[in-house]
Amino acid sequence: MLRLKKLAIPVILFVLFAAAAHGSPTLAATPRVAPTPPYANGDTFTYAITDTTVVTNPGQPPSTSTQTAFVAESVAYPVTFGSRKNVYAISSTVQDTSNSTRYAEHIGYFETAYAGFFPKGRIYQLAYLGYGTQSLPSEFISTTIGLKYSSPYNVVAEYPESNGLSWANNYKTVYDNYASTEFGPFYSISSTTLPSGAYVEKISTYPDQQTVTQTFDERADATGTLDNSQNGNNPPQHFIFEAPADRNNAEVIPVKLNGTLGYVPDWYPGGAAPPSPLQQYGDAISSTTTPQACGAQSGQGAYDVRQTGYALDILGGTYTTQTTDAYDSATQGMICSVAVITVTAYDNFITGQLLATTVETNVEILTGEQSGQPRAHAHGLAPLRPIRFRLN
C-alpha cells in the first residue's frame, strides 16, 4: 500500500521536501555587504520545463515518460503577509505543452509564494513565509492549498552569493488544507512535517459517497502508526511500526496489524538502523559552468546553489534522495536548474522487497525576463525561484 508522496520535500522546482534553516551558515572569507533584494515589483520571468521520469519494476524493462510545460512568473511588492510587511508575492502560472496529465493539476489556477529577504549576521536570507494556490473555474479540477513554513524559516538562498556559503535546510511545514478532484474521487489532505522528518498526515477520499481516511503518525525515532478507516466491506486497520530488532540473526521490523505481530525484513537504507534524522537536506554554493542540460543557457559562468538530501518514510515505504542544482547568473538571476529525485518503494507491510524505483529529472530553463521598477546595485534579477507545489 503506497501512500502519496509526503507533501514535504523540498527544494526548488516542483519538488516539496520538508526542510528550516538552523545553525550558523559557513561563510566565505570575503567581506559581506547587504545587497539590494533581487526581486522588484513588476518583474516577470518565463521558464521552459522538461520533466523526464523513468520507472523500473523488478524483472521488467524501465518505462520512460517525458512531459513539458511553460511557466510564467510575476512579482508584486510590497505586500503584507500576516504580521510581515514588505513581502514579495511571486505568482506562477503553468501551462502544459505536452498534452499530458503530468501538469494537469496546474492548469486553471495560479500559485503564489510569499517571501522576504531578512538580514542574519553579515548575509541576507530569503525566507518563504507561506504558499498557496487560487483555483479558477474548471470542469475537472478543483484545488485549494494552504501551506505555512514555521520559524526558523526556510533558507533557500543567501546573499550575496559566494563560494563556500553553506547551510542546513531542514524546516517545519504545515499544510492547513489541501483539497482536490484532480485524480478522480475528491480528497483532502492535512499534514505537518517536522525538521527531523517526523510527520502527522490525514488523507480523506470520498469514493461512491463513502469517506475513507488514512492517518499517518511517524515519529523521529522511526516508529509510528497508520490507521485506515473502514472501506466498503473491509474492516478498519491499525498498524503499529516498531524500531528494527534482531530476530534469528536477521534485522527485522516488527509490524502489528490489529494486534497481530509480524516481522518485515529490514528494508531501511543499509539494512540496519534507520538514518537519524529521518530526513536531512543541505545547501552549498560554488562557481561553475552551466551544463549541457541547460540548453540555450548552457556553457555560462554561474553560481551553483546545490541542495542534496534524503528522506525515509517508514509508513509510506519509500526512501527518497535528491540533488538540485540551481544555476544563478550574476546579471540574470536563475537561468537554469536541474533536479534529480530518486524514489525507491518497498513492501513495508510483509516482505520488505523492492517494489519500484522512480528516477525523475526536472530541468527548468530561463526563456525570458523583464525588469519592473528600477533598482540600484541589484545583485541580479531573481537568483532563485520560489518552491512550486506538486503532489507527485
Protein backbone atom coordinates (compact mmCIF):
# COMPACT_ATOMS: atom_id res chain seq x y z
CA MET A 1 0.00 0.00 0.00
CA LEU A 2 1.77 3.12 -1.21
CA ARG A 3 0.70 6.47 0.07
CA LEU A 4 1.00 9.68 -1.91
CA LYS A 5 4.49 11.06 -1.64
CA LYS A 6 4.74 13.07 1.54
CA LEU A 7 3.94 16.74 0.88
CA ALA A 8 7.26 17.91 2.11
CA ILE A 9 10.14 17.94 0.24
CA PRO A 10 11.77 20.20 -0.92
CA VAL A 11 13.54 22.06 -2.85
CA ILE A 12 13.10 24.25 -5.77
CA LEU A 13 11.09 23.20 -8.84
CA PHE A 14 8.00 21.14 -8.37
CA VAL A 15 9.52 19.21 -5.56
CA LEU A 16 8.39 19.52 -1.95
CA PHE A 17 10.80 18.11 0.55
CA ALA A 18 10.47 19.16 4.15
CA ALA A 19 13.48 21.08 5.31
CA ALA A 20 14.15 25.13 8.33
CA ALA A 21 17.36 26.67 8.42
CA HIS A 22 19.04 26.08 11.72
CA GLY A 23 22.55 26.67 12.93
CA SER A 24 25.01 29.20 11.57
CA PRO A 25 25.97 29.11 7.90
CA THR A 26 29.56 28.64 6.85
CA LEU A 27 30.76 31.94 5.39
CA ALA A 28 33.32 32.54 2.72
CA ALA A 29 36.32 34.63 3.67
CA THR A 30 35.26 37.58 1.50
CA PRO A 31 33.58 40.56 3.25
CA ARG A 32 29.78 40.67 3.25
CA VAL A 33 27.76 43.64 2.02
CA ALA A 34 23.99 43.82 2.39
CA PRO A 35 22.63 43.54 -1.16
CA THR A 36 19.57 45.03 -2.73
CA PRO A 37 16.98 42.23 -2.75
CA PRO A 38 16.94 40.79 -6.26
CA TYR A 39 13.17 40.97 -6.76
CA ALA A 40 11.33 44.15 -7.73
CA ASN A 41 7.69 44.98 -8.26
CA GLY A 42 6.67 44.18 -11.83
CA ASP A 43 9.46 41.71 -12.62
CA THR A 44 8.34 38.91 -14.91
CA PHE A 45 10.07 35.64 -15.83
CA THR A 46 9.31 32.76 -18.17
CA TYR A 47 10.70 29.24 -17.97
CA ALA A 48 10.55 26.10 -20.07
CA ILE A 49 10.30 22.85 -18.13
CA THR A 50 11.15 19.31 -19.18
CA ASP A 51 10.29 16.50 -16.78
CA THR A 52 11.58 13.00 -17.54
CA THR A 53 10.51 10.07 -15.36
CA VAL A 54 11.96 6.56 -15.52
CA VAL A 55 10.13 3.84 -13.55
CA THR A 56 11.75 0.45 -13.06
CA ASN A 57 9.93 -2.54 -11.58
CA PRO A 58 11.93 -5.65 -10.62
CA GLY A 59 12.22 -8.03 -13.56
CA GLN A 60 10.76 -5.57 -16.05
CA PRO A 61 12.32 -3.12 -18.51
CA PRO A 62 12.27 0.56 -17.50
CA SER A 63 9.35 2.73 -18.55
CA THR A 64 10.16 6.30 -19.58
CA SER A 65 7.84 9.27 -19.95
CA THR A 66 8.62 12.90 -20.75
CA GLN A 67 6.40 15.93 -20.22
CA THR A 68 6.97 19.60 -20.92
CA ALA A 69 5.44 22.76 -19.51
CA PHE A 70 5.73 26.54 -19.71
CA VAL A 71 5.83 28.71 -16.58
CA ALA A 72 5.23 32.46 -16.35
CA GLU A 73 6.01 34.27 -13.09
CA SER A 74 5.40 37.80 -11.88
CA VAL A 75 6.45 39.70 -8.76
CA ALA A 76 4.32 42.05 -6.67
CA TYR A 77 5.92 44.23 -3.97
CA PRO A 78 5.29 45.34 -1.31
CA VAL A 79 2.52 43.14 0.08
CA THR A 80 1.61 42.18 3.66
CA PHE A 81 1.55 38.55 4.75
CA GLY A 82 0.26 38.09 8.29
CA SER A 83 2.31 40.39 10.52
CA ARG A 84 5.09 40.72 7.94
CA LYS A 85 5.28 43.84 5.82
CA ASN A 86 7.37 44.47 2.70
CA VAL A 87 6.87 40.91 1.49
CA TYR A 88 7.28 39.75 -2.11
CA ALA A 89 4.44 37.81 -3.72
CA ILE A 90 5.73 35.62 -6.56
CA SER A 91 2.86 34.26 -8.64
CA SER A 92 3.24 31.44 -11.17
CA THR A 93 1.01 30.09 -13.89
CA VAL A 94 1.77 26.77 -15.55
CA GLN A 95 0.71 25.61 -19.00
CA ASP A 96 1.14 22.00 -20.09
CA THR A 97 2.78 21.97 -23.52
CA SER A 98 2.97 18.19 -23.99
CA ASN A 99 -0.76 17.47 -23.80
CA SER A 100 -0.11 15.15 -20.87
CA THR A 101 -1.65 14.71 -17.45
CA ARG A 102 1.61 15.38 -15.60
CA TYR A 103 0.91 19.07 -15.06
CA ALA A 104 -2.86 18.81 -15.19
CA GLU A 105 -3.01 19.94 -11.58
CA HIS A 106 -1.51 23.28 -12.59
CA ILE A 107 -3.92 24.11 -15.39
CA GLY A 108 -6.64 26.56 -14.43
CA TYR A 109 -5.08 28.16 -11.37
CA PHE A 110 -2.08 30.14 -10.33
CA GLU A 111 0.28 29.63 -7.43
CA THR A 112 1.68 32.30 -5.15
CA ALA A 113 4.69 32.11 -2.82
CA TYR A 114 5.23 34.83 -0.23
CA ALA A 115 8.88 35.58 0.52
CA GLY A 116 11.03 38.15 2.24
CA PHE A 117 14.72 38.99 2.50
CA PHE A 118 15.95 39.24 6.07
CA PRO A 119 19.42 40.07 7.44
CA LYS A 120 21.23 37.48 9.51
CA GLY A 121 24.70 38.49 10.58
CA ARG A 122 26.68 39.55 7.52
CA ILE A 123 24.37 37.94 4.98
CA TYR A 124 20.76 38.09 3.87
CA GLN A 125 18.43 35.12 3.84
CA LEU A 126 15.48 34.50 1.55
CA ALA A 127 12.63 33.19 3.72
CA TYR A 128 9.41 31.67 2.38
CA LEU A 129 6.62 32.73 4.68
CA GLY A 130 3.73 30.97 3.04
CA TYR A 131 2.36 29.44 -0.10
CA GLY A 132 -1.00 28.90 -1.73
CA THR A 133 -2.95 28.49 -4.92
CA GLN A 134 -6.14 30.02 -6.19
CA SER A 135 -8.36 27.84 -8.32
CA LEU A 136 -10.15 29.10 -11.39
CA PRO A 137 -13.38 27.52 -12.67
CA SER A 138 -12.70 24.12 -14.20
CA GLU A 139 -14.89 21.20 -15.10
CA PHE A 140 -12.42 18.60 -13.86
CA ILE A 141 -10.11 20.30 -11.39
CA SER A 142 -10.80 21.99 -8.10
CA THR A 143 -7.80 22.61 -5.89
CA THR A 144 -7.20 24.64 -2.77
CA ILE A 145 -3.97 24.66 -0.78
CA GLY A 146 -2.79 26.29 2.40
CA LEU A 147 0.86 25.91 3.42
CA LYS A 148 2.86 27.54 6.19
CA TYR A 149 6.57 27.48 6.88
CA SER A 150 7.30 27.72 10.59
CA SER A 151 10.21 29.52 12.19
CA PRO A 152 13.10 29.15 11.80
CA TYR A 153 12.16 29.91 8.26
CA ASN A 154 13.19 28.14 5.11
CA VAL A 155 16.52 29.45 3.88
CA VAL A 156 16.58 28.89 0.14
CA ALA A 157 19.27 31.44 -0.70
CA GLU A 158 21.89 33.56 1.00
CA TYR A 159 23.07 36.89 -0.36
CA PRO A 160 25.49 37.95 -1.62
CA GLU A 161 26.20 34.57 -3.13
CA SER A 162 29.78 33.45 -2.79
CA ASN A 163 31.86 30.31 -2.98
CA GLY A 164 31.88 28.48 0.31
CA LEU A 165 28.49 29.56 1.65
CA SER A 166 26.62 26.55 3.01
CA TRP A 167 23.74 25.91 5.38
CA ALA A 168 21.39 23.28 6.73
CA ASN A 169 17.95 23.34 5.14
CA ASN A 170 15.50 21.39 7.28
CA TYR A 171 12.30 23.15 8.23
CA LYS A 172 8.80 22.55 9.52
CA THR A 173 5.92 22.64 7.05
CA VAL A 174 2.21 22.74 7.76
CA TYR A 175 -0.43 22.03 5.14
CA ASP A 176 -3.56 23.59 6.59
CA ASN A 177 -5.73 22.33 3.78
CA TYR A 178 -5.25 20.58 0.50
CA ALA A 179 -8.36 19.56 -1.37
CA SER A 180 -8.65 18.36 -4.94
CA THR A 181 -10.56 16.38 -7.52
CA GLU A 182 -7.53 16.03 -9.78
CA PHE A 183 -7.04 12.30 -9.50
CA GLY A 184 -10.61 11.07 -9.54
CA PRO A 185 -12.58 10.99 -6.26
CA PHE A 186 -12.49 14.13 -4.17
CA TYR A 187 -9.83 14.03 -1.48
CA SER A 188 -8.38 16.33 1.14
CA ILE A 189 -5.07 16.33 2.99
CA SER A 190 -3.77 18.00 6.13
CA SER A 191 -0.13 17.48 7.10
CA THR A 192 2.58 18.68 9.46
CA THR A 193 6.22 17.68 8.94
CA LEU A 194 9.00 18.47 11.42
CA PRO A 195 12.70 19.10 10.66
CA SER A 196 13.51 15.58 11.95
CA GLY A 197 11.29 14.03 9.28
CA ALA A 198 8.58 13.04 11.75
CA TYR A 199 5.13 13.85 10.41
CA VAL A 200 1.41 13.59 11.02
CA GLU A 201 -0.85 13.44 7.99
CA LYS A 202 -4.52 12.77 7.36
CA ILE A 203 -5.80 11.86 3.90
CA SER A 204 -9.52 11.52 3.26
CA THR A 205 -11.09 10.38 -0.01
CA TYR A 206 -14.76 10.23 -0.87
CA PRO A 207 -15.43 7.49 -3.43
CA ASP A 208 -19.05 6.39 -4.04
CA GLN A 209 -20.42 8.59 -1.27
CA GLN A 210 -18.15 6.95 1.31
CA THR A 211 -15.43 8.50 3.41
CA VAL A 212 -12.14 6.62 3.56
CA THR A 213 -9.48 8.09 5.82
CA GLN A 214 -5.80 7.26 6.32
CA THR A 215 -3.98 8.78 9.29
CA PHE A 216 -0.17 8.61 9.44
CA ASP A 217 1.81 9.37 12.60
CA GLU A 218 5.54 8.89 12.09
CA ARG A 219 7.90 9.73 14.93
CA ALA A 220 11.52 10.85 14.85
CA ASP A 221 12.69 7.52 16.35
CA ALA A 222 11.40 5.64 13.26
CA THR A 223 8.32 4.25 14.96
CA GLY A 224 4.77 5.12 14.09
CA THR A 225 1.16 4.20 13.46
CA LEU A 226 -1.04 4.00 10.38
CA ASP A 227 -4.81 3.86 10.59
CA ASN A 228 -7.14 3.02 7.70
CA SER A 229 -10.82 3.66 8.24
CA GLN A 230 -13.49 1.24 7.08
CA ASN A 231 -13.67 0.94 3.29
CA GLY A 232 -16.74 -0.86 1.98
CA ASN A 233 -16.73 -4.37 3.44
CA ASN A 234 -13.15 -4.09 4.68
CA PRO A 235 -12.73 -3.59 8.44
CA PRO A 236 -10.62 -0.75 9.88
CA GLN A 237 -6.88 -1.40 10.05
CA HIS A 238 -4.50 -0.23 12.76
CA PHE A 239 -0.78 -0.70 12.06
CA ILE A 240 1.99 -0.19 14.63
CA PHE A 241 5.57 0.04 13.31
CA GLU A 242 8.34 -0.58 15.82
CA ALA A 243 12.09 0.00 15.67
CA PRO A 244 14.23 -2.62 13.87
CA ALA A 245 15.34 -5.53 16.01
CA ASP A 246 17.46 -8.66 15.66
CA ARG A 247 15.47 -11.88 15.26
CA ASN A 248 17.14 -15.19 14.42
CA ASN A 249 20.31 -13.31 13.44
CA ALA A 250 18.43 -11.12 10.96
CA GLU A 251 17.33 -7.48 11.15
CA VAL A 252 13.53 -7.21 11.06
CA ILE A 253 10.90 -4.50 11.57
CA PRO A 254 8.11 -5.58 13.97
CA VAL A 255 4.74 -4.55 12.49
CA LYS A 256 1.43 -5.15 14.26
CA LEU A 257 -1.87 -5.24 12.39
CA ASN A 258 -4.87 -5.01 14.71
CA GLY A 259 -2.76 -6.52 17.46
CA THR A 260 -1.25 -9.38 15.41
CA LEU A 261 2.54 -9.14 15.29
CA GLY A 262 4.53 -9.81 12.12
CA TYR A 263 8.16 -9.29 11.14
CA VAL A 264 9.13 -7.45 7.96
CA PRO A 265 12.71 -7.94 6.69
CA ASP A 266 14.58 -4.68 7.27
CA TRP A 267 14.35 -2.60 4.07
CA TYR A 268 15.83 0.61 5.55
CA PRO A 269 18.98 2.02 3.87
CA GLY A 270 21.88 -0.19 4.84
CA GLY A 271 19.58 -2.91 6.14
CA ALA A 272 20.04 -1.87 9.75
CA ALA A 273 19.05 1.15 11.84
CA PRO A 274 17.16 3.91 10.02
CA PRO A 275 19.02 7.18 9.44
CA SER A 276 18.74 9.84 12.10
CA PRO A 277 17.25 12.29 11.38
CA LEU A 278 14.77 10.60 9.04
CA GLN A 279 15.39 13.39 6.56
CA GLN A 280 18.33 15.73 6.02
CA TYR A 281 18.91 18.48 3.47
CA GLY A 282 21.69 20.98 2.99
CA ASP A 283 22.78 23.65 0.51
CA ALA A 284 26.17 24.87 -0.65
CA ILE A 285 27.34 27.41 -3.24
CA SER A 286 30.20 27.08 -5.71
CA SER A 287 31.17 28.59 -9.04
CA THR A 288 30.73 26.53 -12.18
CA THR A 289 29.75 26.50 -15.84
CA THR A 290 26.17 25.58 -16.66
CA PRO A 291 25.89 22.04 -18.09
CA GLN A 292 24.62 20.90 -21.48
CA ALA A 293 21.26 20.05 -19.90
CA CYS A 294 20.62 23.82 -19.66
CA GLY A 295 20.15 24.06 -23.42
CA ALA A 296 20.37 27.65 -24.64
CA GLN A 297 21.65 28.66 -21.19
CA SER A 298 24.48 26.10 -21.17
CA GLY A 299 28.18 26.99 -21.13
CA GLN A 300 27.74 30.11 -18.98
CA GLY A 301 29.57 31.02 -15.82
CA ALA A 302 27.23 30.84 -12.84
CA TYR A 303 26.88 30.11 -9.16
CA ASP A 304 25.72 26.57 -8.48
CA VAL A 305 23.37 26.55 -5.49
CA ARG A 306 23.27 22.81 -4.83
CA GLN A 307 20.81 21.15 -2.48
CA THR A 308 21.28 17.50 -1.57
CA GLY A 309 19.31 15.36 0.81
CA TYR A 310 17.35 12.25 1.64
CA ALA A 311 14.04 11.33 3.29
CA LEU A 312 12.91 7.99 4.74
CA ASP A 313 9.17 7.41 5.08
CA ILE A 314 8.70 4.27 7.18
CA LEU A 315 4.90 4.37 6.95
CA GLY A 316 4.76 5.05 3.23
CA GLY A 317 7.50 2.54 2.45
CA THR A 318 9.74 4.92 0.48
CA TYR A 319 13.30 6.21 0.56
CA THR A 320 13.99 9.38 -1.44
CA THR A 321 17.27 11.00 -2.44
CA GLN A 322 17.56 14.31 -4.24
CA THR A 323 20.10 16.64 -5.82
CA THR A 324 19.04 20.03 -7.16
CA ASP A 325 21.44 22.41 -8.90
CA ALA A 326 20.11 25.95 -9.33
CA TYR A 327 22.41 27.92 -11.63
CA ASP A 328 22.46 31.66 -10.93
CA SER A 329 23.87 34.25 -13.28
CA ALA A 330 25.17 37.40 -11.60
CA THR A 331 23.16 39.52 -14.04
CA GLN A 332 20.12 37.43 -14.97
CA GLY A 333 19.30 35.52 -11.82
CA MET A 334 18.46 31.84 -12.03
CA ILE A 335 19.00 30.86 -15.64
CA CYS A 336 18.63 27.10 -15.23
CA SER A 337 18.08 24.38 -12.67
CA VAL A 338 18.42 20.61 -12.80
CA ALA A 339 16.84 18.36 -10.19
CA VAL A 340 17.26 14.59 -9.92
CA ILE A 341 14.97 12.77 -7.48
CA THR A 342 15.15 9.02 -6.89
CA VAL A 343 12.33 7.29 -5.01
CA THR A 344 12.62 3.62 -4.07
CA ALA A 345 9.38 2.00 -2.89
CA TYR A 346 9.22 -1.14 -0.73
CA ASP A 347 6.63 -3.54 0.63
CA ASN A 348 6.81 -2.24 4.20
CA PHE A 349 3.97 -4.47 5.47
CA ILE A 350 5.03 -8.05 4.70
CA THR A 351 8.06 -8.86 2.54
CA GLY A 352 10.32 -5.79 2.67
CA GLN A 353 11.01 -6.34 -1.03
CA LEU A 354 11.68 -3.59 -3.56
CA LEU A 355 8.53 -2.71 -5.48
CA ALA A 356 9.72 0.03 -7.85
CA THR A 357 12.39 2.65 -8.44
CA THR A 358 11.42 6.02 -9.89
CA VAL A 359 14.03 8.49 -11.14
CA GLU A 360 12.73 11.92 -12.07
CA THR A 361 14.88 14.51 -13.82
CA ASN A 362 13.41 18.00 -13.91
CA VAL A 363 15.07 20.75 -15.97
CA GLU A 364 13.94 24.37 -15.90
CA ILE A 365 15.47 26.88 -18.34
CA LEU A 366 15.01 30.66 -18.37
CA THR A 367 13.46 31.79 -21.65
CA GLY A 368 12.69 35.43 -20.94
CA GLU A 369 12.58 38.12 -18.25
CA GLN A 370 11.60 41.72 -17.90
CA SER A 371 12.65 44.06 -15.11
CA GLY A 372 9.99 46.06 -13.31
CA GLN A 373 10.82 49.03 -11.11
CA PRO A 374 14.38 50.36 -11.39
CA ARG A 375 16.71 49.29 -8.62
CA ALA A 376 20.21 50.33 -7.66
CA HIS A 377 23.08 47.91 -7.14
CA ALA A 378 20.91 44.83 -7.63
CA HIS A 379 22.81 41.58 -7.30
CA GLY A 380 20.69 40.08 -10.05
CA LEU A 381 17.08 39.96 -11.06
CA ALA A 382 15.93 36.82 -9.27
CA PRO A 383 18.63 34.38 -8.21
CA LEU A 384 16.22 31.65 -7.10
CA ARG A 385 12.68 30.72 -7.99
CA PRO A 386 10.14 30.02 -5.27
CA ILE A 387 9.16 26.47 -4.44
CA ARG A 388 6.34 25.26 -6.65
CA PHE A 389 3.80 22.84 -5.35
CA ARG A 390 3.49 19.38 -6.78
CA LEU A 391 1.84 16.36 -5.25
CA ASN A 392 3.59 13.59 -7.16
